[in-house]
C-alpha atoms as a PDB file:
ATOM      1  CA  MET A   1      61.870 119.201  -3.015  1.00  0.00           C
ATOM      2  CA  THR A   2      62.066 116.458  -5.564  1.00  0.00           C
ATOM      3  CA  PRO A   3      63.835 116.530  -8.918  1.00  0.00           C
ATOM      4  CA  ASP A   4      60.405 116.420 -10.603  1.00  0.00           C
ATOM      5  CA  VAL A   5      59.306 119.577  -8.764  1.00  0.00           C
ATOM      6  CA  LEU A   6      62.506 121.375  -9.723  1.00  0.00           C
ATOM      7  CA  GLU A   7      62.258 120.227 -13.334  1.00  0.00           C
ATOM      8  CA  ALA A   8      58.668 121.492 -13.538  1.00  0.00           C
ATOM      9  CA  ALA A   9      59.795 124.918 -12.284  1.00  0.00           C
ATOM     10  CA  TRP A  10      62.718 125.211 -14.734  1.00  0.00           C
ATOM     11  CA  VAL A  11      62.253 127.747 -17.557  1.00  0.00           C
ATOM     12  CA  ASP A  12      64.103 126.736 -20.719  1.00  0.00           C
ATOM     13  CA  GLU A  13      66.025 129.497 -22.499  1.00  0.00           C
ATOM     14  CA  ALA A  14      65.775 131.913 -19.543  1.00  0.00           C
ATOM     15  CA  VAL A  15      68.980 133.463 -18.222  1.00  0.00           C
ATOM     16  CA  ILE A  16      67.273 134.848 -15.122  1.00  0.00           C
ATOM     17  CA  VAL A  17      66.445 132.294 -12.443  1.00  0.00           C
ATOM     18  CA  TYR A  18      65.282 134.562  -9.587  1.00  0.00           C
ATOM     19  CA  VAL A  19      64.050 138.118  -9.082  1.00  0.00           C
ATOM     20  CA  GLY A  20      64.293 139.523  -5.569  1.00  0.00           C
ATOM     21  CA  LYS A  21      64.232 142.850  -3.821  1.00  0.00           C
ATOM     22  CA  ALA A  22      65.971 144.754  -1.054  1.00  0.00           C
ATOM     23  CA  SER A  23      65.049 147.928   0.741  1.00  0.00           C
ATOM     24  CA  ALA A  24      66.613 150.075   3.432  1.00  0.00           C
ATOM     25  CA  GLY A  25      63.876 149.132   5.893  1.00  0.00           C
ATOM     26  CA  LYS A  26      62.186 151.381   8.435  1.00  0.00           C
ATOM     27  CA  ASP A  27      65.375 152.466  10.182  1.00  0.00           C
ATOM     28  CA  GLY A  28      67.644 152.435   7.107  1.00  0.00           C
ATOM     29  CA  GLY A  29      69.735 149.545   8.435  1.00  0.00           C
ATOM     30  CA  ARG A  30      68.833 147.006   5.787  1.00  0.00           C
ATOM     31  CA  GLY A  31      69.750 147.146   2.130  1.00  0.00           C
ATOM     32  CA  LEU A  32      71.191 145.052  -0.649  1.00  0.00           C
ATOM     33  CA  ARG A  33      74.335 143.922   1.182  1.00  0.00           C
ATOM     34  CA  LYS A  34      72.355 142.651   4.182  1.00  0.00           C
ATOM     35  CA  ARG A  35      69.708 141.009   1.997  1.00  0.00           C
ATOM     36  CA  LEU A  36      72.318 139.179  -0.093  1.00  0.00           C
ATOM     37  CA  ASP A  37      74.124 138.070   3.062  1.00  0.00           C
ATOM     38  CA  GLU A  38      70.863 136.620   4.412  1.00  0.00           C
ATOM     39  CA  TYR A  39      70.291 134.870   1.095  1.00  0.00           C
ATOM     40  CA  ARG A  40      73.821 133.424   1.126  1.00  0.00           C
ATOM     41  CA  ARG A  41      73.547 132.252   4.738  1.00  0.00           C
ATOM     42  CA  HIS A  42      70.211 130.568   4.027  1.00  0.00           C
ATOM     43  CA  GLY A  43      71.757 128.768   1.052  1.00  0.00           C
ATOM     44  CA  ALA A  44      74.617 127.587   3.261  1.00  0.00           C
ATOM     45  CA  GLY A  45      72.103 126.032   5.648  1.00  0.00           C
ATOM     46  CA  GLY A  46      72.056 128.795   8.237  1.00  0.00           C
ATOM     47  CA  SER A  47      69.072 130.437   9.853  1.00  0.00           C
ATOM     48  CA  ALA A  48      68.762 133.708   7.978  1.00  0.00           C
ATOM     49  CA  GLY A  49      65.064 134.397   7.477  1.00  0.00           C
ATOM     50  CA  HIS A  50      65.344 134.389   3.691  1.00  0.00           C
ATOM     51  CA  TRP A  51      63.067 131.659   2.364  1.00  0.00           C
ATOM     52  CA  GLY A  52      62.505 133.229  -1.066  1.00  0.00           C
ATOM     53  CA  GLY A  53      64.537 131.865  -3.947  1.00  0.00           C
ATOM     54  CA  ARG A  54      65.344 128.636  -2.131  1.00  0.00           C
ATOM     55  CA  TYR A  55      65.274 126.603  -5.370  1.00  0.00           C
ATOM     56  CA  ILE A  56      68.543 128.325  -6.337  1.00  0.00           C
ATOM     57  CA  TRP A  57      70.437 126.244  -3.800  1.00  0.00           C
ATOM     58  CA  GLN A  58      69.306 123.031  -5.491  1.00  0.00           C
ATOM     59  CA  LEU A  59      71.232 123.876  -8.672  1.00  0.00           C
ATOM     60  CA  ALA A  60      74.545 122.054  -9.032  1.00  0.00           C
ATOM     61  CA  ASP A  61      76.234 125.282 -10.177  1.00  0.00           C
ATOM     62  CA  SER A  62      74.571 127.677  -7.719  1.00  0.00           C
ATOM     63  CA  ASP A  63      78.001 128.907  -6.617  1.00  0.00           C
ATOM     64  CA  GLU A  64      78.689 130.090 -10.177  1.00  0.00           C
ATOM     65  CA  LEU A  65      75.541 132.167 -10.715  1.00  0.00           C
ATOM     66  CA  LEU A  66      75.860 135.893 -11.328  1.00  0.00           C
ATOM     67  CA  VAL A  67      74.088 138.338  -9.037  1.00  0.00           C
ATOM     68  CA  ALA A  68      73.010 141.583 -10.681  1.00  0.00           C
ATOM     69  CA  TRP A  69      71.005 144.493  -9.342  1.00  0.00           C
ATOM     70  CA  LEU A  70      69.251 147.633 -10.411  1.00  0.00           C
ATOM     71  CA  GLN A  71      69.058 150.641  -8.108  1.00  0.00           C
ATOM     72  CA  ILE A  72      65.634 152.241  -8.141  1.00  0.00           C
ATOM     73  CA  PRO A  73      65.598 154.672  -5.203  1.00  0.00           C
ATOM     74  CA  GLU A  74      62.486 156.464  -6.458  1.00  0.00           C
ATOM     75  CA  ARG A  75      60.347 153.291  -6.651  1.00  0.00           C
ATOM     76  CA  ASP A  76      58.842 150.839  -4.208  1.00  0.00           C
ATOM     77  CA  PRO A  77      60.988 147.671  -4.311  1.00  0.00           C
ATOM     78  CA  GLY A  78      57.976 145.357  -4.058  1.00  0.00           C
ATOM     79  CA  GLU A  79      56.223 147.010  -6.978  1.00  0.00           C
ATOM     80  CA  ALA A  80      59.374 146.956  -9.104  1.00  0.00           C
ATOM     81  CA  GLU A  81      59.940 143.277  -8.301  1.00  0.00           C
ATOM     82  CA  ALA A  82      56.345 142.429  -9.231  1.00  0.00           C
ATOM     83  CA  GLU A  83      56.705 144.286 -12.542  1.00  0.00           C
ATOM     84  CA  LEU A  84      59.943 142.456 -13.401  1.00  0.00           C
ATOM     85  CA  ILE A  85      58.353 139.094 -12.637  1.00  0.00           C
ATOM     86  CA  ALA A  86      55.315 140.047 -14.728  1.00  0.00           C
ATOM     87  CA  GLU A  87      57.610 140.975 -17.658  1.00  0.00           C
ATOM     88  CA  PHE A  88      59.412 137.638 -17.296  1.00  0.00           C
ATOM     89  CA  MET A  89      56.087 135.794 -17.299  1.00  0.00           C
ATOM     90  CA  GLU A  90      55.001 137.666 -20.387  1.00  0.00           C
ATOM     91  CA  LEU A  91      58.158 136.534 -22.194  1.00  0.00           C
ATOM     92  CA  TYR A  92      58.337 132.944 -20.961  1.00  0.00           C
ATOM     93  CA  GLY A  93      54.804 132.064 -19.835  1.00  0.00           C
ATOM     94  CA  ALA A  94      56.017 131.086 -16.361  1.00  0.00           C
ATOM     95  CA  ARG A  95      57.524 132.573 -13.229  1.00  0.00           C
ATOM     96  CA  PRO A  96      61.326 132.615 -12.861  1.00  0.00           C
ATOM     97  CA  PHE A  97      62.639 129.245 -11.646  1.00  0.00           C
ATOM     98  CA  ALA A  98      63.201 130.257  -8.019  1.00  0.00           C
ATOM     99  CA  ASN A  99      60.258 132.675  -7.663  1.00  0.00           C
ATOM    100  CA  ARG A 100      57.719 130.192  -6.352  1.00  0.00           C
ATOM    101  CA  ASN A 101      55.393 132.158  -4.094  1.00  0.00           C
ATOM    102  CA  LYS A 102      52.578 133.562  -6.223  1.00  0.00           C
ATOM    103  CA  GLY A 103      51.162 135.719  -3.420  1.00  0.00           C
ATOM    104  CA  VAL A 104      54.419 137.323  -2.355  1.00  0.00           C
ATOM    105  CA  THR A 105      57.148 137.756  -4.938  1.00  0.00           C
ATOM    106  CA  THR A 106      60.308 137.431  -2.833  1.00  0.00           C
END
């Protein structure tokens, strides 16, 4: 991606640059730790099956970003993620910097 594409995606004044989700999966073997490890491996250039949020790795200070999470065991992760992105868009008029896929919000 070009610097122009990244600049167009940047949201001034926002402190959140990506909203993602993690779930236990069908057999309970997934979860936040595994999802973050996939994300990290993808950012390091490995094959990890985590394409969402890829703009993060273009930031010069990506290794200094803070990862935060909210446990919501009683809610569907996809629905919660969509709501958080919608709230962000309401505040800033755009999607978070690294949330690029408008059809799927991962």
